[in-house]
All heavy atoms as atom14 arrays in JSON, in Angstrom:
{
  "sequence": "RQALSDVGVMGLTVSEVKGYGRQKGHSEIYRGAEYEVAFVPKLR",
  "atom14_mask": [
    [1, 1, 1, 1, 1, 1, 1, 1, 1, 1, 1, 0, 0, 0],
    [1, 1, 1, 1, 1, 1, 1, 1, 1, 0, 0, 0, 0, 0],
    [1, 1, 1, 1, 1, 0, 0, 0, 0, 0, 0, 0, 0, 0],
    [1, 1, 1, 1, 1, 1, 1, 1, 0, 0, 0, 0, 0, 0],
    [1, 1, 1, 1, 1, 1, 0, 0, 0, 0, 0, 0, 0, 0],
    [1, 1, 1, 1, 1, 1, 1, 1, 0, 0, 0, 0, 0, 0],
    [1, 1, 1, 1, 1, 1, 1, 0, 0, 0, 0, 0, 0, 0],
    [1, 1, 1, 1, 0, 0, 0, 0, 0, 0, 0, 0, 0, 0],
    [1, 1, 1, 1, 1, 1, 1, 0, 0, 0, 0, 0, 0, 0],
    [1, 1, 1, 1, 1, 1, 1, 1, 0, 0, 0, 0, 0, 0],
    [1, 1, 1, 1, 0, 0, 0, 0, 0, 0, 0, 0, 0, 0],
    [1, 1, 1, 1, 1, 1, 1, 1, 0, 0, 0, 0, 0, 0],
    [1, 1, 1, 1, 1, 1, 1, 0, 0, 0, 0, 0, 0, 0],
    [1, 1, 1, 1, 1, 1, 1, 0, 0, 0, 0, 0, 0, 0],
    [1, 1, 1, 1, 1, 1, 0, 0, 0, 0, 0, 0, 0, 0],
    [1, 1, 1, 1, 1, 1, 1, 1, 1, 0, 0, 0, 0, 0],
    [1, 1, 1, 1, 1, 1, 1, 0, 0, 0, 0, 0, 0, 0],
    [1, 1, 1, 1, 1, 1, 1, 1, 1, 0, 0, 0, 0, 0],
    [1, 1, 1, 1, 0, 0, 0, 0, 0, 0, 0, 0, 0, 0],
    [1, 1, 1, 1, 1, 1, 1, 1, 1, 1, 1, 1, 0, 0],
    [1, 1, 1, 1, 0, 0, 0, 0, 0, 0, 0, 0, 0, 0],
    [1, 1, 1, 1, 1, 1, 1, 1, 1, 1, 1, 0, 0, 0],
    [1, 1, 1, 1, 1, 1, 1, 1, 1, 0, 0, 0, 0, 0],
    [1, 1, 1, 1, 1, 1, 1, 1, 1, 0, 0, 0, 0, 0],
    [1, 1, 1, 1, 0, 0, 0, 0, 0, 0, 0, 0, 0, 0],
    [1, 1, 1, 1, 1, 1, 1, 1, 1, 1, 0, 0, 0, 0],
    [1, 1, 1, 1, 1, 1, 0, 0, 0, 0, 0, 0, 0, 0],
    [1, 1, 1, 1, 1, 1, 1, 1, 1, 0, 0, 0, 0, 0],
    [1, 1, 1, 1, 1, 1, 1, 1, 0, 0, 0, 0, 0, 0],
    [1, 1, 1, 1, 1, 1, 1, 1, 1, 1, 1, 1, 0, 0],
    [1, 1, 1, 1, 1, 1, 1, 1, 1, 1, 1, 0, 0, 0],
    [1, 1, 1, 1, 0, 0, 0, 0, 0, 0, 0, 0, 0, 0],
    [1, 1, 1, 1, 1, 0, 0, 0, 0, 0, 0, 0, 0, 0],
    [1, 1, 1, 1, 1, 1, 1, 1, 1, 0, 0, 0, 0, 0],
    [1, 1, 1, 1, 1, 1, 1, 1, 1, 1, 1, 1, 0, 0],
    [1, 1, 1, 1, 1, 1, 1, 1, 1, 0, 0, 0, 0, 0],
    [1, 1, 1, 1, 1, 1, 1, 0, 0, 0, 0, 0, 0, 0],
    [1, 1, 1, 1, 1, 0, 0, 0, 0, 0, 0, 0, 0, 0],
    [1, 1, 1, 1, 1, 1, 1, 1, 1, 1, 1, 0, 0, 0],
    [1, 1, 1, 1, 1, 1, 1, 0, 0, 0, 0, 0, 0, 0],
    [1, 1, 1, 1, 1, 1, 1, 0, 0, 0, 0, 0, 0, 0],
    [1, 1, 1, 1, 1, 1, 1, 1, 1, 0, 0, 0, 0, 0],
    [1, 1, 1, 1, 1, 1, 1, 1, 0, 0, 0, 0, 0, 0],
    [1, 1, 1, 1, 1, 1, 1, 1, 1, 1, 1, 0, 0, 0]
  ],
  "atom14_positions": [
    [[65.62, -32.3, 99.16], [64.51, -33.27, 99.48], [63.58, -32.65, 100.47], [62.35, -32.75, 100.36], [65.1, -34.6, 100.02], [63.97, -35.72, 100.1], [64.5, -36.9, 100.79], [64.85, -36.74, 102.2], [63.93, -36.5, 103.13], [62.64, -36.46, 102.9], [64.31, -36.3, 104.42], [0.0, 0.0, 0.0], [0.0, 0.0, 0.0], [0.0, 0.0, 0.0]],
    [[64.06, -32.03, 101.53], [63.25, -31.36, 102.49], [62.45, -30.25, 101.99], [61.28, -30.12, 102.27], [64.08, -30.94, 103.66], [63.32, -30.34, 104.83], [62.35, -31.28, 105.47], [62.75, -32.45, 105.77], [61.04, -31.03, 105.52], [0.0, 0.0, 0.0], [0.0, 0.0, 0.0], [0.0, 0.0, 0.0], [0.0, 0.0, 0.0], [0.0, 0.0, 0.0]],
    [[63.09, -29.4, 101.14], [62.37, -28.28, 100.51], [61.26, -28.72, 99.59], [60.16, -28.22, 99.61], [63.36, -27.4, 99.72], [0.0, 0.0, 0.0], [0.0, 0.0, 0.0], [0.0, 0.0, 0.0], [0.0, 0.0, 0.0], [0.0, 0.0, 0.0], [0.0, 0.0, 0.0], [0.0, 0.0, 0.0], [0.0, 0.0, 0.0], [0.0, 0.0, 0.0]],
    [[61.52, -29.87, 98.89], [60.49, -30.41, 97.98], [59.32, -30.99, 98.75], [58.16, -30.84, 98.48], [61.03, -31.44, 97.02], [61.99, -30.91, 95.98], [62.66, -32.02, 95.17], [61.27, -29.96, 94.99], [0.0, 0.0, 0.0], [0.0, 0.0, 0.0], [0.0, 0.0, 0.0], [0.0, 0.0, 0.0], [0.0, 0.0, 0.0], [0.0, 0.0, 0.0]],
    [[59.67, -31.64, 99.87], [58.65, -32.2, 100.75], [57.75, -31.14, 101.3], [56.54, -31.24, 101.45], [59.35, -33.05, 101.85], [58.33, -33.58, 102.69], [0.0, 0.0, 0.0], [0.0, 0.0, 0.0], [0.0, 0.0, 0.0], [0.0, 0.0, 0.0], [0.0, 0.0, 0.0], [0.0, 0.0, 0.0], [0.0, 0.0, 0.0], [0.0, 0.0, 0.0]],
    [[58.37, -30.0, 101.68], [57.65, -28.91, 102.28], [56.62, -28.26, 101.34], [55.66, -27.66, 101.8], [58.63, -27.79, 102.76], [59.45, -28.22, 103.94], [59.06, -29.26, 104.55], [60.43, -27.52, 104.29], [0.0, 0.0, 0.0], [0.0, 0.0, 0.0], [0.0, 0.0, 0.0], [0.0, 0.0, 0.0], [0.0, 0.0, 0.0], [0.0, 0.0, 0.0]],
    [[56.82, -28.33, 99.98], [55.88, -27.73, 99.02], [54.94, -28.76, 98.53], [54.2, -28.52, 97.57], [56.6, -27.05, 97.89], [57.37, -25.81, 98.43], [57.51, -27.87, 97.1], [0.0, 0.0, 0.0], [0.0, 0.0, 0.0], [0.0, 0.0, 0.0], [0.0, 0.0, 0.0], [0.0, 0.0, 0.0], [0.0, 0.0, 0.0], [0.0, 0.0, 0.0]],
    [[55.02, -30.05, 98.99], [53.95, -31.03, 98.61], [54.42, -32.09, 97.67], [53.55, -32.85, 97.17], [0.0, 0.0, 0.0], [0.0, 0.0, 0.0], [0.0, 0.0, 0.0], [0.0, 0.0, 0.0], [0.0, 0.0, 0.0], [0.0, 0.0, 0.0], [0.0, 0.0, 0.0], [0.0, 0.0, 0.0], [0.0, 0.0, 0.0], [0.0, 0.0, 0.0]],
    [[55.7, -32.19, 97.39], [56.13, -33.29, 96.42], [56.14, -34.57, 97.2], [56.72, -34.72, 98.32], [57.58, -32.94, 95.89], [58.12, -34.14, 95.16], [57.51, -31.72, 95.06], [0.0, 0.0, 0.0], [0.0, 0.0, 0.0], [0.0, 0.0, 0.0], [0.0, 0.0, 0.0], [0.0, 0.0, 0.0], [0.0, 0.0, 0.0], [0.0, 0.0, 0.0]],
    [[55.5, -35.6, 96.68], [55.33, -36.87, 97.36], [56.45, -37.87, 97.12], [56.64, -38.79, 97.83], [54.02, -37.56, 96.98], [52.79, -36.72, 97.48], [52.75, -36.77, 99.27], [51.54, -35.53, 99.54], [0.0, 0.0, 0.0], [0.0, 0.0, 0.0], [0.0, 0.0, 0.0], [0.0, 0.0, 0.0], [0.0, 0.0, 0.0], [0.0, 0.0, 0.0]],
    [[57.18, -37.76, 95.97], [58.21, -38.64, 95.68], [59.07, -38.11, 94.56], [58.68, -37.22, 93.85], [0.0, 0.0, 0.0], [0.0, 0.0, 0.0], [0.0, 0.0, 0.0], [0.0, 0.0, 0.0], [0.0, 0.0, 0.0], [0.0, 0.0, 0.0], [0.0, 0.0, 0.0], [0.0, 0.0, 0.0], [0.0, 0.0, 0.0], [0.0, 0.0, 0.0]],
    [[60.3, -38.69, 94.48], [61.2, -38.28, 93.38], [62.14, -39.47, 93.16], [62.27, -40.32, 94.01], [61.95, -37.03, 93.78], [62.98, -37.09, 94.9], [64.2, -36.29, 94.43], [62.4, -36.5, 96.13], [0.0, 0.0, 0.0], [0.0, 0.0, 0.0], [0.0, 0.0, 0.0], [0.0, 0.0, 0.0], [0.0, 0.0, 0.0], [0.0, 0.0, 0.0]],
    [[62.85, -39.41, 92.04], [63.82, -40.38, 91.71], [65.13, -39.77, 91.63], [65.28, -38.67, 91.09], [63.49, -41.04, 90.31], [62.2, -41.64, 90.32], [64.53, -42.05, 89.87], [0.0, 0.0, 0.0], [0.0, 0.0, 0.0], [0.0, 0.0, 0.0], [0.0, 0.0, 0.0], [0.0, 0.0, 0.0], [0.0, 0.0, 0.0], [0.0, 0.0, 0.0]],
    [[66.17, -40.38, 92.19], [67.5, -39.78, 92.27], [68.5, -40.73, 91.59], [68.47, -41.95, 91.89], [67.99, -39.57, 93.73], [69.39, -39.02, 93.74], [67.0, -38.64, 94.47], [0.0, 0.0, 0.0], [0.0, 0.0, 0.0], [0.0, 0.0, 0.0], [0.0, 0.0, 0.0], [0.0, 0.0, 0.0], [0.0, 0.0, 0.0], [0.0, 0.0, 0.0]],
    [[69.32, -40.22, 90.69], [70.31, -41.09, 90.02], [71.68, -40.27, 90.17], [71.72, -39.09, 90.06], [69.99, -41.15, 88.54], [68.67, -41.68, 88.3], [0.0, 0.0, 0.0], [0.0, 0.0, 0.0], [0.0, 0.0, 0.0], [0.0, 0.0, 0.0], [0.0, 0.0, 0.0], [0.0, 0.0, 0.0], [0.0, 0.0, 0.0], [0.0, 0.0, 0.0]],
    [[72.74, -41.13, 90.33], [74.05, -40.53, 90.32], [74.52, -40.45, 88.87], [74.47, -41.47, 88.11], [75.0, -41.48, 91.12], [74.73, -41.49, 92.6], [75.72, -42.37, 93.32], [76.64, -42.92, 92.78], [75.46, -42.49, 94.58], [0.0, 0.0, 0.0], [0.0, 0.0, 0.0], [0.0, 0.0, 0.0], [0.0, 0.0, 0.0], [0.0, 0.0, 0.0]],
    [[74.98, -39.24, 88.45], [75.37, -39.0, 87.12], [76.76, -38.27, 87.12], [77.16, -37.74, 88.17], [74.34, -38.22, 86.32], [73.06, -39.04, 86.18], [74.02, -36.94, 86.93], [0.0, 0.0, 0.0], [0.0, 0.0, 0.0], [0.0, 0.0, 0.0], [0.0, 0.0, 0.0], [0.0, 0.0, 0.0], [0.0, 0.0, 0.0], [0.0, 0.0, 0.0]],
    [[77.29, -38.2, 85.97], [78.59, -37.42, 85.87], [78.37, -36.49, 84.63], [77.72, -36.94, 83.66], [79.77, -38.29, 85.7], [80.1, -39.05, 86.87], [81.36, -39.89, 86.61], [81.71, -40.68, 87.87], [82.89, -41.45, 87.72], [0.0, 0.0, 0.0], [0.0, 0.0, 0.0], [0.0, 0.0, 0.0], [0.0, 0.0, 0.0], [0.0, 0.0, 0.0]],
    [[78.94, -35.26, 84.67], [78.86, -34.48, 83.5], [79.67, -33.2, 83.67], [80.36, -33.07, 84.72], [0.0, 0.0, 0.0], [0.0, 0.0, 0.0], [0.0, 0.0, 0.0], [0.0, 0.0, 0.0], [0.0, 0.0, 0.0], [0.0, 0.0, 0.0], [0.0, 0.0, 0.0], [0.0, 0.0, 0.0], [0.0, 0.0, 0.0], [0.0, 0.0, 0.0]],
    [[79.61, -32.28, 82.79], [80.15, -31.02, 82.92], [79.39, -30.0, 82.16], [78.61, -30.26, 81.25], [81.63, -30.97, 82.47], [81.75, -31.19, 80.96], [81.89, -30.05, 80.13], [81.85, -32.47, 80.39], [81.97, -30.14, 78.74], [82.03, -32.54, 79.02], [82.12, -31.44, 78.17], [82.18, -31.57, 76.88], [0.0, 0.0, 0.0], [0.0, 0.0, 0.0]],
    [[79.58, -28.7, 82.56], [78.96, -27.57, 81.91], [80.06, -26.54, 81.62], [81.13, -26.89, 81.18], [0.0, 0.0, 0.0], [0.0, 0.0, 0.0], [0.0, 0.0, 0.0], [0.0, 0.0, 0.0], [0.0, 0.0, 0.0], [0.0, 0.0, 0.0], [0.0, 0.0, 0.0], [0.0, 0.0, 0.0], [0.0, 0.0, 0.0], [0.0, 0.0, 0.0]],
    [[79.75, -25.34, 81.99], [80.73, -24.3, 81.67], [82.05, -24.44, 82.52], [83.1, -23.99, 82.06], [80.13, -22.93, 82.03], [79.01, -22.49, 81.2], [78.51, -21.13, 81.57], [77.41, -20.8, 80.68], [76.68, -19.73, 80.91], [76.87, -18.89, 81.88], [75.7, -19.45, 80.05], [0.0, 0.0, 0.0], [0.0, 0.0, 0.0], [0.0, 0.0, 0.0]],
    [[81.98, -25.14, 83.63], [83.15, -25.28, 84.45], [84.17, -26.28, 83.77], [85.31, -26.26, 84.1], [82.92, -25.71, 85.88], [82.64, -27.19, 86.06], [81.23, -27.76, 85.8], [80.4, -27.01, 85.19], [80.95, -28.82, 86.31], [0.0, 0.0, 0.0], [0.0, 0.0, 0.0], [0.0, 0.0, 0.0], [0.0, 0.0, 0.0], [0.0, 0.0, 0.0]],
    [[83.77, -27.11, 82.85], [84.63, -28.0, 82.11], [85.43, -28.9, 82.97], [86.58, -29.19, 82.72], [85.56, -27.26, 81.2], [84.85, -26.33, 80.16], [84.36, -27.18, 79.01], [83.92, -26.23, 77.87], [82.55, -26.21, 77.64], [0.0, 0.0, 0.0], [0.0, 0.0, 0.0], [0.0, 0.0, 0.0], [0.0, 0.0, 0.0], [0.0, 0.0, 0.0]],
    [[84.89, -29.38, 84.1], [85.64, -30.27, 85.03], [86.44, -29.39, 85.95], [86.34, -28.21, 86.04], [0.0, 0.0, 0.0], [0.0, 0.0, 0.0], [0.0, 0.0, 0.0], [0.0, 0.0, 0.0], [0.0, 0.0, 0.0], [0.0, 0.0, 0.0], [0.0, 0.0, 0.0], [0.0, 0.0, 0.0], [0.0, 0.0, 0.0], [0.0, 0.0, 0.0]],
    [[87.4, -30.11, 86.63], [88.28, -29.36, 87.54], [89.51, -30.18, 87.81], [89.6, -31.4, 87.41], [87.59, -29.08, 88.87], [87.15, -30.26, 89.63], [85.99, -30.96, 89.37], [87.72, -30.92, 90.68], [85.85, -32.01, 90.17], [86.9, -31.98, 90.98], [0.0, 0.0, 0.0], [0.0, 0.0, 0.0], [0.0, 0.0, 0.0], [0.0, 0.0, 0.0]],
    [[90.52, -29.6, 88.45], [91.76, -30.31, 88.79], [91.67, -30.72, 90.24], [91.11, -30.11, 91.1], [92.96, -29.37, 88.68], [93.16, -28.98, 87.32], [0.0, 0.0, 0.0], [0.0, 0.0, 0.0], [0.0, 0.0, 0.0], [0.0, 0.0, 0.0], [0.0, 0.0, 0.0], [0.0, 0.0, 0.0], [0.0, 0.0, 0.0], [0.0, 0.0, 0.0]],
    [[92.23, -31.91, 90.59], [92.32, -32.37, 91.91], [93.74, -32.9, 92.17], [94.43, -33.31, 91.23], [91.32, -33.47, 92.17], [89.9, -33.06, 92.26], [88.97, -34.18, 92.77], [89.42, -35.23, 93.05], [87.73, -33.89, 92.82], [0.0, 0.0, 0.0], [0.0, 0.0, 0.0], [0.0, 0.0, 0.0], [0.0, 0.0, 0.0], [0.0, 0.0, 0.0]],
    [[94.21, -32.9, 93.42], [95.46, -33.53, 93.74], [95.16, -34.72, 94.58], [94.45, -34.73, 95.55], [96.3, -32.48, 94.54], [96.62, -31.25, 93.66], [97.6, -33.12, 95.04], [97.33, -30.15, 94.3], [0.0, 0.0, 0.0], [0.0, 0.0, 0.0], [0.0, 0.0, 0.0], [0.0, 0.0, 0.0], [0.0, 0.0, 0.0], [0.0, 0.0, 0.0]],
    [[95.77, -35.87, 94.18], [95.65, -37.1, 94.85], [97.04, -37.7, 95.03], [97.74, -37.93, 94.09], [94.75, -38.08, 94.03], [94.51, -39.39, 94.71], [93.8, -39.5, 95.84], [95.18, -40.53, 94.21], [93.61, -40.8, 96.48], [94.99, -41.77, 94.76], [94.2, -41.85, 95.93], [94.03, -43.06, 96.55], [0.0, 0.0, 0.0], [0.0, 0.0, 0.0]],
    [[97.39, -37.93, 96.31], [98.68, -38.4, 96.68], [99.87, -37.63, 95.95], [100.79, -38.26, 95.43], [98.8, -39.95, 96.39], [97.88, -40.71, 97.27], [98.08, -42.19, 97.04], [97.27, -42.94, 97.93], [97.13, -44.25, 98.03], [98.0, -44.95, 97.34], [96.41, -44.76, 98.97], [0.0, 0.0, 0.0], [0.0, 0.0, 0.0], [0.0, 0.0, 0.0]],
    [[99.72, -36.34, 95.96], [100.73, -35.47, 95.47], [100.71, -35.25, 93.91], [101.48, -34.45, 93.42], [0.0, 0.0, 0.0], [0.0, 0.0, 0.0], [0.0, 0.0, 0.0], [0.0, 0.0, 0.0], [0.0, 0.0, 0.0], [0.0, 0.0, 0.0], [0.0, 0.0, 0.0], [0.0, 0.0, 0.0], [0.0, 0.0, 0.0], [0.0, 0.0, 0.0]],
    [[99.85, -36.0, 93.19], [99.83, -35.89, 91.76], [98.57, -35.17, 91.41], [97.41, -35.43, 91.91], [99.83, -37.24, 91.11], [0.0, 0.0, 0.0], [0.0, 0.0, 0.0], [0.0, 0.0, 0.0], [0.0, 0.0, 0.0], [0.0, 0.0, 0.0], [0.0, 0.0, 0.0], [0.0, 0.0, 0.0], [0.0, 0.0, 0.0], [0.0, 0.0, 0.0]],
    [[98.67, -34.11, 90.54], [97.53, -33.35, 90.05], [96.95, -34.13, 88.8], [97.67, -34.51, 87.92], [97.97, -31.95, 89.7], [96.77, -31.08, 89.31], [97.13, -29.68, 89.09], [98.27, -29.26, 89.32], [96.26, -28.85, 88.61], [0.0, 0.0, 0.0], [0.0, 0.0, 0.0], [0.0, 0.0, 0.0], [0.0, 0.0, 0.0], [0.0, 0.0, 0.0]],
    [[95.65, -34.22, 88.8], [94.99, -34.72, 87.55], [93.67, -34.02, 87.3], [93.1, -33.36, 88.12], [94.8, -36.23, 87.7], [93.84, -36.68, 88.84], [92.5, -36.94, 88.54], [94.26, -36.71, 90.15], [91.67, -37.3, 89.56], [93.37, -37.11, 91.17], [92.04, -37.38, 90.92], [91.26, -37.73, 91.86], [0.0, 0.0, 0.0], [0.0, 0.0, 0.0]],
    [[93.3, -34.09, 86.03], [92.05, -33.45, 85.56], [90.86, -34.34, 85.75], [90.89, -35.56, 85.38], [92.09, -32.98, 84.13], [93.06, -31.84, 83.84], [92.52, -30.59, 84.42], [91.31, -30.28, 84.29], [93.29, -29.81, 85.03], [0.0, 0.0, 0.0], [0.0, 0.0, 0.0], [0.0, 0.0, 0.0], [0.0, 0.0, 0.0], [0.0, 0.0, 0.0]],
    [[89.77, -33.83, 86.37], [88.52, -34.53, 86.39], [87.58, -33.87, 85.39], [87.15, -32.8, 85.53], [87.84, -34.42, 87.84], [86.55, -35.12, 87.91], [88.83, -34.99, 88.87], [0.0, 0.0, 0.0], [0.0, 0.0, 0.0], [0.0, 0.0, 0.0], [0.0, 0.0, 0.0], [0.0, 0.0, 0.0], [0.0, 0.0, 0.0], [0.0, 0.0, 0.0]],
    [[87.45, -34.63, 84.23], [86.63, -34.07, 83.12], [85.1, -34.14, 83.42], [84.41, -33.23, 82.95], [87.03, -34.84, 81.85], [0.0, 0.0, 0.0], [0.0, 0.0, 0.0], [0.0, 0.0, 0.0], [0.0, 0.0, 0.0], [0.0, 0.0, 0.0], [0.0, 0.0, 0.0], [0.0, 0.0, 0.0], [0.0, 0.0, 0.0], [0.0, 0.0, 0.0]],
    [[84.69, -35.09, 84.08], [83.3, -35.31, 84.4], [83.07, -35.18, 85.9], [83.66, -35.94, 86.64], [82.74, -36.64, 83.89], [82.76, -36.7, 82.37], [83.75, -37.34, 81.74], [81.77, -36.06, 81.62], [83.82, -37.43, 80.34], [81.81, -36.12, 80.25], [82.8, -36.79, 79.62], [0.0, 0.0, 0.0], [0.0, 0.0, 0.0], [0.0, 0.0, 0.0]],
    [[82.24, -34.24, 86.32], [82.03, -33.92, 87.7], [80.81, -34.73, 88.18], [79.78, -34.81, 87.55], [81.74, -32.41, 87.85], [81.51, -32.1, 89.31], [82.89, -31.58, 87.3], [0.0, 0.0, 0.0], [0.0, 0.0, 0.0], [0.0, 0.0, 0.0], [0.0, 0.0, 0.0], [0.0, 0.0, 0.0], [0.0, 0.0, 0.0], [0.0, 0.0, 0.0]],
    [[80.91, -35.39, 89.36], [79.82, -36.11, 89.9], [78.68, -35.19, 90.28], [78.85, -34.14, 90.91], [80.31, -36.76, 91.2], [81.78, -36.55, 91.21], [82.1, -35.49, 90.23], [0.0, 0.0, 0.0], [0.0, 0.0, 0.0], [0.0, 0.0, 0.0], [0.0, 0.0, 0.0], [0.0, 0.0, 0.0], [0.0, 0.0, 0.0], [0.0, 0.0, 0.0]],
    [[77.44, -35.57, 89.88], [76.23, -34.84, 90.16], [75.13, -35.8, 90.5], [75.25, -37.01, 90.35], [75.78, -33.99, 88.91], [76.78, -33.03, 88.36], [76.86, -31.77, 89.2], [77.86, -30.85, 88.5], [77.69, -29.45, 88.87], [0.0, 0.0, 0.0], [0.0, 0.0, 0.0], [0.0, 0.0, 0.0], [0.0, 0.0, 0.0], [0.0, 0.0, 0.0]],
    [[73.95, -35.27, 90.87], [72.8, -36.03, 91.12], [71.7, -35.52, 90.13], [71.57, -34.34, 89.97], [72.21, -36.01, 92.51], [73.1, -36.58, 93.57], [72.49, -36.36, 94.92], [73.38, -37.99, 93.34], [0.0, 0.0, 0.0], [0.0, 0.0, 0.0], [0.0, 0.0, 0.0], [0.0, 0.0, 0.0], [0.0, 0.0, 0.0], [0.0, 0.0, 0.0]],
    [[70.96, -36.46, 89.54], [69.82, -36.1, 88.64], [68.55, -36.48, 89.42], [68.38, -37.66, 89.76], [69.93, -36.96, 87.34], [68.77, -36.67, 86.42], [68.91, -37.61, 85.2], [67.68, -37.43, 84.43], [67.78, -37.38, 83.09], [68.89, -37.35, 82.46], [66.64, -37.27, 82.37], [0.0, 0.0, 0.0], [0.0, 0.0, 0.0], [0.0, 0.0, 0.0]]
  ]
}
């Protein structure tokens, strides 16, 4: 946001999204159990 403001962008829209690309998600450990996160949180 700061970099865009510095080059003259006056406004933008931000949405929380989930998806995956080449990384195909990732594994996480929660309370000792490992599980696959197929869709990674991103911002659009």
